[in-house]
Structures are given as structure tokens and as C-alpha cells.
């Protein structure tokens, strides 16, 4: 299984999908012209990863901003982790936020997915 990384840019997110470490990191900005083209590879990756995940998977979400189209794909992506957790794997979701709007998104996703998130200020990102 491939380790996928991307530095992102002003419109697309930073990505680090590391299957050996059981680490998933997404962040930055997500306002792409074609949301499907950005998130399809991530969804394909998680579909493969969930077949043989690590015992503990850590998901770190640290967006400055994402649009509503990205939110739809992001929650779809996170649903796979919710399924993994319900099947007995440990999944830790660390949600970092800069403002109340991003905190509310995280709280809404947590409720919809029925899984606990840890919430932190974005300033704490490199400390965790």
C-alpha cells in the first residue's frame, strides 16, 4: 500500500496518508475547482487501508478553511474511520481549529459519525 503525500496549495489540502505508521493527516485549504479529483484518491486509499488497518490509526485534521463541497467529501472519507472503529479497531481523531466555525464543523462531524473527536487549537498541532 502506498504512502501518499502532497504539500497542497492555496486551493488543495496538505495530505499525508502513511499506512505503515497508521497516520492520516489532512490540512490547509480545500477549495478545489474539481473536488472529486482531489478526494477520489483519498477515498480509494482509505478503502484499501480499511482492509488491513493498523491496530491504532491516528487521524489529524487541521484545516484553515474548506468549502461545502470539500466538507461532503471529508465526511465521506471520515465515515471509513467510523466503520473501522465500530469493527473494533482503535481510531483517534484529532480535530484542530482556528475559529468557531471550524470547531462547529468538527462537532457536527463527530455527531453525525457517532465517534469521539479530540479538539485542539491549531497552535497545538505540532505538539500532539
N, C-alpha and C. Protein backbone atom coordinates (compact mmCIF):
# COMPACT_ATOMS: atom_id res chain seq x y z
N UNK A 1 0.84 -1.18 0.00
CA UNK A 1 0.00 0.00 0.00
C UNK A 1 0.89 1.24 0.00
N UNK A 2 0.52 2.22 -0.80
CA UNK A 2 1.34 3.41 -0.99
C UNK A 2 1.20 4.42 0.15
N UNK A 3 2.30 5.10 0.43
CA UNK A 3 2.31 6.25 1.31
C UNK A 3 2.07 7.45 0.40
N UNK A 4 0.99 8.18 0.62
CA UNK A 4 0.63 9.31 -0.24
C UNK A 4 0.88 10.61 0.51
N UNK A 5 1.62 11.51 -0.15
CA UNK A 5 1.84 12.83 0.43
C UNK A 5 1.64 13.90 -0.64
N UNK A 6 1.20 15.05 -0.19
CA UNK A 6 1.06 16.22 -1.06
C UNK A 6 1.20 17.45 -0.18
N UNK A 7 1.94 18.43 -0.65
CA UNK A 7 2.12 19.65 0.13
C UNK A 7 0.90 20.57 0.03
N UNK A 8 0.03 20.32 -0.93
CA UNK A 8 -1.13 21.17 -1.11
C UNK A 8 -0.74 22.52 -1.69
N UNK A 9 -1.74 23.36 -1.85
CA UNK A 9 -1.50 24.72 -2.34
C UNK A 9 -2.63 25.61 -1.83
N UNK A 10 -2.85 26.73 -2.43
CA UNK A 10 -3.88 27.66 -1.95
C UNK A 10 -5.31 27.11 -2.12
N UNK A 11 -5.45 26.07 -2.95
CA UNK A 11 -6.79 25.52 -3.20
C UNK A 11 -6.94 24.06 -2.78
N UNK A 12 -5.84 23.36 -2.62
CA UNK A 12 -5.93 21.93 -2.30
C UNK A 12 -5.22 21.63 -0.98
N UNK A 13 -5.69 20.62 -0.27
CA UNK A 13 -5.15 20.34 1.07
C UNK A 13 -3.79 19.66 1.07
N UNK A 14 -3.09 19.84 2.20
CA UNK A 14 -1.91 19.03 2.51
C UNK A 14 -2.42 17.63 2.84
N UNK A 15 -1.68 16.63 2.41
CA UNK A 15 -2.10 15.25 2.64
C UNK A 15 -0.89 14.42 3.06
N UNK A 16 -1.07 13.62 4.08
CA UNK A 16 -0.08 12.62 4.47
C UNK A 16 -0.86 11.37 4.87
N UNK A 17 -0.84 10.36 4.02
CA UNK A 17 -1.52 9.09 4.29
C UNK A 17 -0.43 8.03 4.42
N UNK A 18 -0.10 7.69 5.65
CA UNK A 18 1.02 6.80 5.93
C UNK A 18 0.50 5.48 6.51
N UNK A 19 0.37 4.45 5.68
CA UNK A 19 -0.21 3.19 6.15
C UNK A 19 0.68 2.47 7.16
N UNK A 20 1.99 2.60 7.05
CA UNK A 20 2.90 1.92 7.99
C UNK A 20 2.79 2.50 9.40
N UNK A 21 2.62 3.81 9.49
CA UNK A 21 2.50 4.47 10.78
C UNK A 21 1.06 4.50 11.28
N UNK A 22 0.10 4.17 10.41
CA UNK A 22 -1.30 4.31 10.79
C UNK A 22 -1.67 5.76 11.03
N UNK A 23 -1.12 6.63 10.18
CA UNK A 23 -1.29 8.07 10.34
C UNK A 23 -1.93 8.69 9.10
N UNK A 24 -2.95 9.49 9.35
CA UNK A 24 -3.64 10.21 8.29
C UNK A 24 -3.68 11.68 8.69
N UNK A 25 -3.14 12.55 7.83
CA UNK A 25 -3.14 13.98 8.11
C UNK A 25 -3.68 14.73 6.90
N UNK A 26 -4.64 15.60 7.15
CA UNK A 26 -5.19 16.49 6.13
C UNK A 26 -5.23 17.89 6.71
N UNK A 27 -4.91 18.89 5.90
CA UNK A 27 -4.96 20.24 6.42
C UNK A 27 -4.75 21.29 5.35
N UNK A 28 -4.71 22.51 5.82
CA UNK A 28 -4.53 23.64 4.91
C UNK A 28 -5.87 24.16 4.42
N UNK A 29 -5.94 24.36 3.11
CA UNK A 29 -7.16 24.89 2.49
C UNK A 29 -7.69 23.86 1.51
N UNK A 30 -9.01 23.81 1.38
CA UNK A 30 -9.62 22.90 0.41
C UNK A 30 -10.78 23.61 -0.28
N UNK A 31 -10.43 24.22 -1.41
CA UNK A 31 -11.42 24.90 -2.25
C UNK A 31 -11.11 24.59 -3.72
N UNK A 32 -10.98 23.31 -4.04
CA UNK A 32 -10.55 22.95 -5.40
C UNK A 32 -11.64 23.20 -6.43
N UNK A 33 -11.19 23.37 -7.67
CA UNK A 33 -12.12 23.51 -8.79
C UNK A 33 -12.92 22.22 -8.97
N UNK A 34 -12.23 21.08 -8.86
CA UNK A 34 -12.85 19.77 -9.04
C UNK A 34 -12.61 18.94 -7.78
N UNK A 35 -13.55 18.98 -6.87
CA UNK A 35 -13.39 18.32 -5.58
C UNK A 35 -13.23 16.82 -5.73
N UNK A 36 -13.94 16.23 -6.66
CA UNK A 36 -13.84 14.78 -6.90
C UNK A 36 -12.40 14.38 -7.22
N UNK A 37 -11.71 15.15 -8.04
CA UNK A 37 -10.35 14.78 -8.44
C UNK A 37 -9.37 14.85 -7.26
N UNK A 38 -9.65 15.69 -6.27
CA UNK A 38 -8.80 15.80 -5.09
C UNK A 38 -9.09 14.67 -4.10
N UNK A 39 -10.37 14.42 -3.86
CA UNK A 39 -10.73 13.48 -2.80
C UNK A 39 -10.90 12.03 -3.26
N UNK A 40 -11.08 11.78 -4.53
CA UNK A 40 -11.22 10.39 -5.00
C UNK A 40 -10.00 9.54 -4.65
N UNK A 41 -8.76 10.01 -4.87
CA UNK A 41 -7.60 9.20 -4.48
C UNK A 41 -7.55 8.93 -2.97
N UNK A 42 -8.01 9.88 -2.16
CA UNK A 42 -8.03 9.69 -0.71
C UNK A 42 -9.04 8.62 -0.32
N UNK A 43 -10.20 8.66 -0.94
CA UNK A 43 -11.23 7.66 -0.66
C UNK A 43 -10.79 6.29 -1.16
N UNK A 44 -10.16 6.23 -2.32
CA UNK A 44 -9.63 4.95 -2.80
C UNK A 44 -8.59 4.40 -1.82
N UNK A 45 -7.74 5.27 -1.31
CA UNK A 45 -6.71 4.85 -0.37
C UNK A 45 -7.33 4.27 0.90
N UNK A 46 -8.32 4.98 1.47
CA UNK A 46 -8.91 4.52 2.73
C UNK A 46 -9.69 3.23 2.52
N UNK A 47 -10.28 3.05 1.35
CA UNK A 47 -10.98 1.79 1.07
C UNK A 47 -9.99 0.62 1.12
N UNK A 48 -8.79 0.83 0.62
CA UNK A 48 -7.78 -0.22 0.68
C UNK A 48 -7.23 -0.36 2.11
N UNK A 49 -6.95 0.76 2.76
CA UNK A 49 -6.38 0.73 4.11
C UNK A 49 -7.30 0.02 5.10
N UNK A 50 -8.59 0.24 5.00
CA UNK A 50 -9.51 -0.34 5.99
C UNK A 50 -9.55 -1.86 5.94
N UNK A 51 -9.05 -2.45 4.86
CA UNK A 51 -8.99 -3.91 4.77
C UNK A 51 -7.93 -4.49 5.70
N UNK A 52 -6.85 -3.76 5.94
CA UNK A 52 -5.79 -4.20 6.84
C UNK A 52 -5.20 -3.01 7.59
N UNK A 53 -6.02 -2.37 8.43
CA UNK A 53 -5.53 -1.19 9.14
C UNK A 53 -4.58 -1.58 10.28
N UNK A 54 -3.82 -0.62 10.74
CA UNK A 54 -3.02 -0.79 11.94
C UNK A 54 -3.97 -0.95 13.13
N UNK A 55 -3.46 -1.47 14.23
CA UNK A 55 -4.29 -1.60 15.43
C UNK A 55 -4.77 -0.25 15.92
N UNK A 56 -3.92 0.77 15.76
CA UNK A 56 -4.29 2.14 16.13
C UNK A 56 -4.05 3.03 14.92
N UNK A 57 -5.07 3.76 14.53
CA UNK A 57 -4.95 4.73 13.44
C UNK A 57 -5.21 6.12 14.01
N UNK A 58 -4.31 7.04 13.72
CA UNK A 58 -4.47 8.42 14.17
C UNK A 58 -4.80 9.29 12.96
N UNK A 59 -5.88 10.04 13.08
CA UNK A 59 -6.34 10.94 12.02
C UNK A 59 -6.23 12.36 12.55
N UNK A 60 -5.44 13.18 11.87
CA UNK A 60 -5.27 14.58 12.26
C UNK A 60 -5.84 15.48 11.16
N UNK A 61 -6.84 16.25 11.54
CA UNK A 61 -7.49 17.17 10.61
C UNK A 61 -7.17 18.59 11.07
N UNK A 62 -6.53 19.37 10.19
CA UNK A 62 -6.09 20.71 10.57
C UNK A 62 -6.29 21.68 9.40
N UNK A 63 -7.55 21.98 9.10
CA UNK A 63 -7.86 22.89 8.00
C UNK A 63 -7.94 24.33 8.47
N UNK A 64 -7.47 25.22 7.62
CA UNK A 64 -7.70 26.66 7.80
C UNK A 64 -9.10 26.99 7.30
N UNK A 65 -9.45 26.30 6.19
CA UNK A 65 -10.74 26.55 5.55
C UNK A 65 -11.03 25.42 4.58
N UNK A 66 -12.31 25.04 4.49
CA UNK A 66 -12.76 24.16 3.41
C UNK A 66 -14.17 24.56 3.03
N UNK A 67 -14.48 24.39 1.74
CA UNK A 67 -15.80 24.78 1.25
C UNK A 67 -16.80 23.63 1.46
N UNK A 68 -18.05 23.89 1.14
CA UNK A 68 -19.10 22.89 1.40
C UNK A 68 -18.92 21.64 0.55
N UNK A 69 -18.41 21.78 -0.65
CA UNK A 69 -18.15 20.62 -1.49
C UNK A 69 -17.07 19.73 -0.86
N UNK A 70 -16.03 20.34 -0.33
CA UNK A 70 -14.97 19.59 0.36
C UNK A 70 -15.51 18.94 1.63
N UNK A 71 -16.40 19.62 2.33
CA UNK A 71 -16.98 19.07 3.56
C UNK A 71 -17.71 17.76 3.27
N UNK A 72 -18.41 17.69 2.15
CA UNK A 72 -19.13 16.46 1.79
C UNK A 72 -18.16 15.30 1.58
N UNK A 73 -17.05 15.56 0.91
CA UNK A 73 -16.06 14.51 0.69
C UNK A 73 -15.31 14.18 1.98
N UNK A 74 -15.06 15.18 2.79
CA UNK A 74 -14.34 14.96 4.04
C UNK A 74 -15.14 14.05 4.97
N UNK A 75 -16.42 14.30 5.09
CA UNK A 75 -17.22 13.44 5.97
C UNK A 75 -17.33 12.03 5.39
N UNK A 76 -17.40 11.94 4.08
CA UNK A 76 -17.41 10.62 3.44
C UNK A 76 -16.11 9.87 3.73
N UNK A 77 -15.00 10.57 3.67
CA UNK A 77 -13.69 10.00 3.98
C UNK A 77 -13.66 9.53 5.44
N UNK A 78 -14.13 10.39 6.35
CA UNK A 78 -14.10 10.06 7.78
C UNK A 78 -15.05 8.92 8.14
N UNK A 79 -16.08 8.71 7.33
CA UNK A 79 -17.01 7.59 7.59
C UNK A 79 -16.27 6.25 7.61
N UNK A 80 -15.25 6.11 6.80
CA UNK A 80 -14.49 4.86 6.78
C UNK A 80 -13.81 4.61 8.13
N UNK A 81 -13.35 5.67 8.78
CA UNK A 81 -12.73 5.52 10.09
C UNK A 81 -13.77 5.16 11.15
N UNK A 82 -14.95 5.72 11.01
CA UNK A 82 -16.04 5.37 11.92
C UNK A 82 -16.37 3.88 11.80
N UNK A 83 -16.42 3.39 10.58
CA UNK A 83 -16.67 1.96 10.33
C UNK A 83 -15.57 1.11 10.93
N UNK A 84 -14.31 1.53 10.77
CA UNK A 84 -13.19 0.79 11.34
C UNK A 84 -13.32 0.74 12.86
N UNK A 85 -13.67 1.85 13.47
CA UNK A 85 -13.80 1.90 14.92
C UNK A 85 -14.92 0.97 15.39
N UNK A 86 -16.03 0.97 14.67
CA UNK A 86 -17.15 0.11 15.05
C UNK A 86 -16.80 -1.37 14.89
N UNK A 87 -15.81 -1.67 14.05
CA UNK A 87 -15.40 -3.07 13.87
C UNK A 87 -14.32 -3.47 14.88
N UNK A 88 -13.98 -2.58 15.81
CA UNK A 88 -13.08 -2.94 16.89
C UNK A 88 -11.68 -2.36 16.81
N UNK A 89 -11.34 -1.64 15.76
CA UNK A 89 -10.02 -1.01 15.66
C UNK A 89 -10.04 0.31 16.42
N UNK A 90 -8.88 0.68 16.95
CA UNK A 90 -8.79 1.96 17.65
C UNK A 90 -8.49 3.06 16.64
N UNK A 91 -9.32 4.08 16.64
CA UNK A 91 -9.16 5.23 15.76
C UNK A 91 -9.20 6.49 16.63
N UNK A 92 -8.16 7.27 16.53
CA UNK A 92 -8.06 8.53 17.26
C UNK A 92 -8.21 9.65 16.24
N UNK A 93 -9.19 10.51 16.42
CA UNK A 93 -9.38 11.65 15.53
C UNK A 93 -9.05 12.93 16.30
N UNK A 94 -8.01 13.61 15.87
CA UNK A 94 -7.62 14.90 16.44
C UNK A 94 -8.04 15.98 15.45
N UNK A 95 -8.96 16.82 15.89
CA UNK A 95 -9.51 17.90 15.05
C UNK A 95 -8.95 19.22 15.55
N UNK A 96 -8.21 19.90 14.70
CA UNK A 96 -7.61 21.18 15.05
C UNK A 96 -8.40 22.30 14.38
N UNK A 97 -8.53 23.41 15.07
CA UNK A 97 -9.34 24.50 14.55
C UNK A 97 -8.75 25.86 14.91
N UNK A 98 -8.99 26.82 14.02
CA UNK A 98 -8.55 28.20 14.25
C UNK A 98 -9.68 29.10 14.73
N UNK A 99 -10.91 28.69 14.41
CA UNK A 99 -12.04 29.56 14.73
C UNK A 99 -13.27 28.73 15.08
N UNK A 100 -14.31 29.41 15.53
CA UNK A 100 -15.53 28.74 15.97
C UNK A 100 -16.21 27.96 14.86
N UNK A 101 -16.14 28.46 13.63
CA UNK A 101 -16.78 27.78 12.51
C UNK A 101 -16.16 26.40 12.29
N UNK A 102 -14.83 26.33 12.31
CA UNK A 102 -14.16 25.04 12.13
C UNK A 102 -14.41 24.11 13.31
N UNK A 103 -14.49 24.65 14.51
CA UNK A 103 -14.83 23.85 15.68
C UNK A 103 -16.24 23.26 15.51
N UNK A 104 -17.18 24.08 15.07
CA UNK A 104 -18.56 23.61 14.87
C UNK A 104 -18.63 22.52 13.81
N UNK A 105 -17.88 22.66 12.73
CA UNK A 105 -17.83 21.60 11.72
C UNK A 105 -17.37 20.29 12.37
N UNK A 106 -16.29 20.37 13.15
CA UNK A 106 -15.78 19.17 13.81
C UNK A 106 -16.80 18.56 14.74
N UNK A 107 -17.49 19.40 15.50
CA UNK A 107 -18.52 18.89 16.42
C UNK A 107 -19.67 18.25 15.65
N UNK A 108 -20.06 18.86 14.53
CA UNK A 108 -21.12 18.28 13.70
C UNK A 108 -20.69 16.94 13.12
N UNK A 109 -19.47 16.88 12.60
CA UNK A 109 -18.97 15.62 12.04
C UNK A 109 -18.93 14.54 13.11
N UNK A 110 -18.47 14.91 14.30
CA UNK A 110 -18.41 13.98 15.42
C UNK A 110 -19.80 13.40 15.70
N UNK A 111 -20.80 14.26 15.72
CA UNK A 111 -22.17 13.82 15.99
C UNK A 111 -22.71 12.91 14.89
N UNK A 112 -22.51 13.31 13.65
CA UNK A 112 -23.02 12.54 12.51
C UNK A 112 -22.34 11.16 12.46
N UNK A 113 -21.04 11.13 12.70
CA UNK A 113 -20.28 9.88 12.61
C UNK A 113 -20.37 9.03 13.88
N UNK A 114 -20.91 9.62 14.93
CA UNK A 114 -21.05 8.93 16.21
C UNK A 114 -19.72 8.38 16.69
N UNK A 115 -18.70 9.23 16.64
CA UNK A 115 -17.39 8.86 17.18
C UNK A 115 -16.76 10.08 17.82
N UNK A 116 -16.04 9.85 18.91
CA UNK A 116 -15.43 10.94 19.66
C UNK A 116 -14.23 11.52 18.92
N UNK A 117 -14.17 12.83 18.86
CA UNK A 117 -13.01 13.56 18.34
C UNK A 117 -12.33 14.24 19.53
N UNK A 118 -11.04 14.44 19.42
CA UNK A 118 -10.30 15.30 20.35
C UNK A 118 -10.17 16.65 19.66
N UNK A 119 -10.51 17.72 20.37
CA UNK A 119 -10.45 19.06 19.79
C UNK A 119 -9.30 19.86 20.38
N UNK A 120 -8.53 20.50 19.48
CA UNK A 120 -7.36 21.27 19.89
C UNK A 120 -7.29 22.55 19.05
N UNK A 121 -6.71 23.58 19.64
CA UNK A 121 -6.38 24.77 18.88
C UNK A 121 -5.31 24.40 17.85
N UNK A 122 -5.38 25.00 16.67
CA UNK A 122 -4.37 24.73 15.64
C UNK A 122 -2.95 25.02 16.11
N UNK A 123 -2.82 25.90 17.10
CA UNK A 123 -1.50 26.22 17.63
C UNK A 123 -0.85 25.00 18.28
N UNK A 124 -1.66 24.02 18.66
CA UNK A 124 -1.16 22.81 19.32
C UNK A 124 -0.81 21.70 18.33
N UNK A 125 -0.97 21.93 17.04
CA UNK A 125 -0.82 20.88 16.04
C UNK A 125 0.51 20.15 16.13
N UNK A 126 1.59 20.84 16.19
CA UNK A 126 2.90 20.20 16.21
C UNK A 126 3.29 19.64 17.58
N UNK A 127 2.46 19.91 18.58
CA UNK A 127 2.74 19.41 19.92
C UNK A 127 2.12 18.04 20.17
N UNK A 128 1.19 17.63 19.31
CA UNK A 128 0.46 16.38 19.52
C UNK A 128 0.91 15.33 18.53
